[in-house]
Amino acid sequence: METLARIYQINSKTSETDHTVVSKLKPDDLCFYRFLGGNSSETEELINQLYALKEKNILLIGVFRFPFRFEGKKRFQTATNQYFRMKELCDAVIYFNSDRLLETIDISTTIHDAHNTFNTIEDLTIEGLREMIEMTGDINIDFHDIETFIKAEKGPLFVHTVERESFDEPLKDLISTPYLPEDFTDGKQLIINIGYTHDVDMEAFRQINLRLHDLFSKADIFKLGSYFMDEPGQHFKISLVVNGINDPVKAPDNFKKLSKHNGLLRKWQHLTEKAKSRVQIKNLP
């Protein structure tokens, strides 16, 4: 089934491609906005870009990465403020801690390769949600399910996908990975999407469902989806979307939410700049 919503991702340091994407955004599209926190000089632009995206009336999911602790206390404090600003302006935030990402690589890994690995992990998380929306299933999960799910619990969410030929080890070990939020299994809401191949029988399907419900016993199962993967053998692909988890850090004591007046002022300034640009274009010889 073709999804009515289009799905995009852009980076905070926008390229020409990202500008083209932003210009194409329409109401009810889904956009992932990626940001690496820590540079205080980028806070104002972060706010401006998120305001501009909000004006598009899209479903906006921030993908935020905290800096390494060894980069300094001041940088981490700046990132904390930026995280809560993103949480305020986005419909939801998926966060990553660089220190936890570091545990996924060997310490001898080059800086360049490490960053590529971290970017790939973020890409896979985004792709997991994209596939869930775009994959036609027996019990389908669509864009409106995700939108309702996200807006029911304002705050962090996380997406994780597991692929296995069998589940003969504890499920908690299968989904265990350093970069998952510590309270991943304690979320308030859960979406489960299970892909299965030709030789998966009903007993295996029953067992995996029982184990998932046991592991996420605190969560309200928002929707349980399933879809057939036209492949031989016994293979599962399970995607989990958890909502209502805790923030990874506490909000700073001096953190103040943006006022509605602030948002209206920025919108007025944006419209004024656009009007000036049109005038300048008309006055060109």
Protein backbone atom coordinates (compact mmCIF):
# COMPACT_ATOMS: atom_id res chain seq x y z
CA MET A 1 0.00 0.00 0.00
CA GLU A 2 1.36 3.39 -0.94
CA THR A 3 1.79 5.72 2.00
CA LEU A 4 0.20 9.14 1.63
CA ALA A 5 2.94 10.75 3.70
CA ARG A 6 6.35 11.32 2.25
CA ILE A 7 9.34 10.73 4.51
CA TYR A 8 12.46 12.89 4.51
CA GLN A 9 15.53 13.57 6.60
CA ILE A 10 17.71 16.64 6.75
CA ASN A 11 20.78 17.67 8.71
CA SER A 12 21.13 20.82 10.77
CA LYS A 13 24.06 21.95 8.62
CA THR A 14 21.88 22.21 5.58
CA SER A 15 23.26 21.54 2.14
CA GLU A 16 21.67 22.53 -1.16
CA THR A 17 19.97 19.13 -1.16
CA ASP A 18 18.48 19.79 2.27
CA HIS A 19 17.19 23.19 1.14
CA THR A 20 15.49 21.46 -1.79
CA VAL A 21 13.91 18.94 0.59
CA VAL A 22 12.59 21.69 2.87
CA SER A 23 11.01 23.48 -0.10
CA LYS A 24 9.14 20.28 -1.02
CA LEU A 25 7.70 19.58 2.43
CA LYS A 26 3.92 19.55 2.65
CA PRO A 27 1.52 19.17 5.58
CA ASP A 28 1.43 15.64 7.00
CA ASP A 29 4.85 14.68 5.65
CA LEU A 30 7.32 13.12 8.07
CA CYS A 31 10.72 14.75 8.46
CA PHE A 32 13.69 13.59 10.55
CA TYR A 33 15.92 16.48 11.63
CA ARG A 34 19.44 15.42 12.69
CA PHE A 35 21.57 17.49 15.03
CA LEU A 36 24.89 16.95 16.82
CA GLY A 37 24.79 18.94 20.05
CA GLY A 38 27.50 20.85 21.85
CA ASN A 39 28.34 23.97 19.80
CA SER A 40 26.79 27.05 21.41
CA SER A 41 27.18 29.01 18.15
CA GLU A 42 24.62 26.69 16.52
CA THR A 43 21.80 27.08 19.08
CA GLU A 44 20.13 30.07 17.44
CA GLU A 45 20.21 28.46 14.01
CA LEU A 46 18.81 25.25 15.50
CA ILE A 47 15.82 27.16 16.85
CA ASN A 48 15.31 29.04 13.57
CA GLN A 49 15.42 25.88 11.48
CA LEU A 50 13.00 24.03 13.75
CA TYR A 51 10.57 26.97 13.69
CA ALA A 52 10.76 27.02 9.88
CA LEU A 53 10.01 23.29 9.75
CA LYS A 54 7.12 23.62 12.21
CA GLU A 55 5.52 26.14 9.87
CA LYS A 56 5.26 23.34 7.30
CA ASN A 57 2.78 21.50 9.58
CA ILE A 58 4.71 18.26 9.22
CA LEU A 59 5.35 15.48 11.69
CA LEU A 60 8.79 16.50 12.93
CA ILE A 61 11.10 14.03 14.67
CA GLY A 62 14.42 15.28 15.99
CA VAL A 63 17.43 12.95 16.01
CA PHE A 64 19.78 14.35 18.63
CA ARG A 65 23.29 13.18 19.48
CA PHE A 66 24.96 14.23 22.72
CA PRO A 67 28.72 14.90 22.58
CA PHE A 68 31.30 12.79 24.37
CA ARG A 69 31.74 13.58 28.05
CA PHE A 70 35.48 13.87 27.46
CA GLU A 71 34.82 16.87 25.21
CA GLY A 72 34.20 18.93 28.32
CA LYS A 73 31.52 19.89 30.80
CA LYS A 74 30.62 23.16 29.08
CA ARG A 75 30.01 21.47 25.75
CA PHE A 76 27.75 18.88 27.38
CA GLN A 77 25.80 21.61 29.19
CA THR A 78 25.25 23.38 25.87
CA ALA A 79 24.05 20.11 24.33
CA THR A 80 21.63 19.61 27.24
CA ASN A 81 20.01 22.98 26.55
CA GLN A 82 19.86 22.20 22.84
CA TYR A 83 18.26 18.83 23.52
CA PHE A 84 15.43 20.35 25.55
CA ARG A 85 14.97 23.06 22.94
CA MET A 86 14.63 20.38 20.27
CA LYS A 87 12.22 18.44 22.47
CA GLU A 88 10.13 21.58 22.87
CA LEU A 89 9.89 22.29 19.13
CA CYS A 90 9.70 18.77 17.67
CA ASP A 91 6.84 16.31 17.93
CA ALA A 92 9.30 13.75 19.31
CA VAL A 93 13.03 13.24 19.80
CA ILE A 94 15.20 10.18 19.31
CA TYR A 95 18.44 10.65 21.22
CA PHE A 96 21.87 9.04 21.15
CA ASN A 97 24.68 9.33 23.68
CA SER A 98 28.10 9.43 22.04
CA ASP A 99 29.64 7.69 25.05
CA ARG A 100 27.27 4.75 24.54
CA LEU A 101 27.92 4.74 20.79
CA LEU A 102 31.63 4.51 21.59
CA GLU A 103 30.99 1.12 23.18
CA THR A 104 29.98 -0.28 19.77
CA ILE A 105 33.48 0.10 18.28
CA ASP A 106 37.04 -0.92 19.08
CA ILE A 107 39.08 1.81 20.73
CA SER A 108 41.63 1.58 17.86
CA THR A 109 38.97 2.56 15.28
CA THR A 110 39.91 5.71 13.40
CA ILE A 111 37.94 8.88 14.10
CA HIS A 112 36.62 8.91 10.53
CA ASP A 113 35.42 5.30 10.69
CA ALA A 114 33.90 5.86 14.13
CA HIS A 115 31.79 8.75 12.88
CA ASN A 116 30.68 6.68 9.91
CA THR A 117 29.62 3.88 12.27
CA PHE A 118 27.68 6.28 14.49
CA ASN A 119 25.94 7.82 11.47
CA THR A 120 25.03 4.34 10.23
CA ILE A 121 23.44 3.46 13.58
CA GLU A 122 21.31 6.61 13.37
CA ASP A 123 20.45 5.79 9.76
CA LEU A 124 19.28 2.31 10.73
CA THR A 125 17.03 3.73 13.42
CA ILE A 126 15.44 6.14 10.97
CA GLU A 127 15.14 3.39 8.35
CA GLY A 128 13.38 1.14 10.87
CA LEU A 129 10.56 3.64 11.26
CA ARG A 130 10.45 4.31 7.53
CA GLU A 131 10.08 0.60 6.74
CA MET A 132 7.37 0.22 9.35
CA ILE A 133 5.28 2.93 7.69
CA GLU A 134 5.93 1.89 4.11
CA MET A 135 5.76 -1.91 4.51
CA THR A 136 2.36 -3.34 3.66
CA GLY A 137 1.43 -5.99 6.21
CA ASP A 138 -1.22 -8.47 7.28
CA ILE A 139 -1.91 -6.07 10.15
CA ASN A 140 -0.56 -2.83 8.80
CA ILE A 141 1.03 0.03 10.70
CA ASP A 142 0.65 3.27 8.77
CA PHE A 143 1.69 6.90 9.06
CA HIS A 144 -1.41 7.91 11.02
CA ASP A 145 -0.71 5.18 13.59
CA ILE A 146 2.78 6.58 14.11
CA GLU A 147 1.50 10.14 14.26
CA THR A 148 -1.13 9.27 16.90
CA PHE A 149 1.40 7.20 18.83
CA ILE A 150 3.95 10.01 18.93
CA LYS A 151 1.51 12.75 19.88
CA ALA A 152 0.01 10.68 22.71
CA GLU A 153 3.28 10.86 24.67
CA LYS A 154 5.31 14.04 24.31
CA GLY A 155 8.96 13.24 24.76
CA PRO A 156 11.72 10.83 23.78
CA LEU A 157 11.03 7.74 21.73
CA PHE A 158 13.28 5.09 20.28
CA VAL A 159 13.15 2.65 17.38
CA HIS A 160 15.06 -0.64 17.41
CA THR A 161 15.05 -3.53 14.93
CA VAL A 162 16.18 -7.11 15.57
CA GLU A 163 16.72 -9.76 12.89
CA ARG A 164 17.32 -13.43 13.74
CA GLU A 165 16.92 -16.92 12.35
CA SER A 166 15.83 -18.14 15.77
CA PHE A 167 15.11 -16.78 19.21
CA ASP A 168 16.69 -19.48 21.34
CA GLU A 169 18.31 -17.02 23.76
CA PRO A 170 16.69 -14.59 26.19
CA LEU A 171 14.93 -11.82 24.30
CA LYS A 172 16.46 -9.16 26.53
CA ASP A 173 19.89 -10.29 25.30
CA LEU A 174 18.79 -10.11 21.68
CA ILE A 175 17.69 -6.50 21.93
CA SER A 176 20.60 -5.51 24.13
CA THR A 177 22.96 -3.00 22.55
CA PRO A 178 25.00 -0.19 24.16
CA TYR A 179 23.24 2.71 22.47
CA LEU A 180 19.70 1.79 23.54
CA PRO A 181 18.20 4.03 26.25
CA GLU A 182 18.63 2.44 29.67
CA ASP A 183 14.86 2.47 30.24
CA PHE A 184 13.97 1.19 26.77
CA THR A 185 11.89 -1.70 28.11
CA ASP A 186 10.13 0.58 30.64
CA GLY A 187 8.40 2.77 28.07
CA LYS A 188 4.76 3.72 28.45
CA GLN A 189 3.72 2.81 24.90
CA LEU A 190 4.93 0.21 22.43
CA ILE A 191 4.44 -0.58 18.76
CA ILE A 192 5.59 -4.01 17.60
CA ASN A 193 5.96 -4.95 13.95
CA ILE A 194 6.92 -8.57 13.18
CA GLY A 195 8.15 -9.72 9.80
CA TYR A 196 8.28 -13.48 9.15
CA THR A 197 9.41 -15.80 6.34
CA HIS A 198 7.92 -18.98 4.79
CA ASP A 199 8.82 -21.52 7.48
CA VAL A 200 7.81 -19.60 10.59
CA ASP A 201 5.02 -21.57 12.27
CA MET A 202 2.28 -20.38 14.61
CA GLU A 203 4.01 -21.77 17.72
CA ALA A 204 7.11 -19.68 17.01
CA PHE A 205 4.89 -16.65 16.40
CA ARG A 206 3.06 -17.28 19.67
CA GLN A 207 6.27 -17.65 21.66
CA ILE A 208 7.85 -14.47 20.33
CA ASN A 209 4.69 -12.50 21.14
CA LEU A 210 4.56 -13.88 24.69
CA ARG A 211 8.20 -13.02 25.27
CA LEU A 212 7.81 -9.51 23.87
CA HIS A 213 4.79 -8.83 26.07
CA ASP A 214 6.67 -10.15 29.09
CA LEU A 215 9.75 -8.03 28.40
CA PHE A 216 7.68 -4.87 27.86
CA SER A 217 5.21 -5.59 30.65
CA LYS A 218 5.01 -1.91 31.69
CA ALA A 219 4.05 -0.68 28.23
CA ASP A 220 0.62 -0.27 26.72
CA ILE A 221 0.69 -2.12 23.37
CA PHE A 222 -0.47 0.64 21.04
CA LYS A 223 -0.45 -1.57 17.96
CA LEU A 224 0.86 -4.99 16.97
CA GLY A 225 1.59 -5.37 13.27
CA SER A 226 2.85 -8.25 11.16
CA TYR A 227 3.96 -8.76 7.57
CA PHE A 228 5.17 -11.59 5.34
CA MET A 229 8.73 -11.61 3.95
CA ASP A 230 8.79 -13.75 0.80
CA GLU A 231 11.99 -15.61 1.67
CA PRO A 232 12.78 -19.27 2.46
CA GLY A 233 13.61 -20.49 5.95
CA GLN A 234 12.64 -19.36 9.43
CA HIS A 235 13.57 -15.74 9.82
CA PHE A 236 12.16 -12.94 11.96
CA LYS A 237 12.52 -9.17 11.69
CA ILE A 238 11.08 -7.38 14.69
CA SER A 239 10.81 -3.60 14.88
CA LEU A 240 10.02 -1.96 18.20
CA VAL A 241 8.97 1.65 18.73
CA VAL A 242 8.93 2.70 22.38
CA ASN A 243 7.44 5.95 23.61
CA GLY A 244 7.23 7.56 27.03
CA ILE A 245 10.79 6.87 28.11
CA ASN A 246 12.73 9.28 30.32
CA ASP A 247 14.95 12.12 29.21
CA PRO A 248 18.63 11.12 29.40
CA VAL A 249 19.47 14.29 31.37
CA LYS A 250 17.68 16.73 33.63
CA ALA A 251 16.61 20.10 32.30
CA PRO A 252 18.95 22.91 33.45
CA ASP A 253 17.61 25.03 36.31
CA ASN A 254 17.79 28.14 34.12
CA PHE A 255 16.03 26.57 31.12
CA LYS A 256 12.98 28.57 30.05
CA LYS A 257 10.53 27.55 27.37
CA LEU A 258 10.14 29.74 24.33
CA SER A 259 7.12 32.01 24.49
CA LYS A 260 4.38 32.02 21.87
CA HIS A 261 5.31 35.65 21.25
CA ASN A 262 8.81 34.48 20.37
CA GLY A 263 7.43 32.12 17.76
CA LEU A 264 5.16 34.75 16.22
CA LEU A 265 8.06 37.23 16.12
CA ARG A 266 10.27 34.75 14.29
CA LYS A 267 7.47 34.01 11.82
CA TRP A 268 7.01 37.74 11.17
CA GLN A 269 10.75 38.20 10.67
CA HIS A 270 10.79 35.26 8.25
CA LEU A 271 7.92 36.72 6.22
CA THR A 272 9.61 40.12 6.20
CA GLU A 273 12.86 38.63 4.91
CA LYS A 274 10.96 36.79 2.15
CA ALA A 275 9.20 40.01 1.16
CA LYS A 276 12.52 41.88 1.02
CA SER A 277 13.99 39.14 -1.16
CA ARG A 278 11.09 39.45 -3.62
CA VAL A 279 11.59 43.22 -3.81
CA GLN A 280 15.33 42.82 -4.43
CA ILE A 281 14.65 40.31 -7.20
CA LYS A 282 12.17 42.67 -8.88
CA ASN A 283 14.70 45.55 -8.69
CA LEU A 284 17.44 43.59 -10.42
CA PRO A 285 18.44 45.23 -13.72
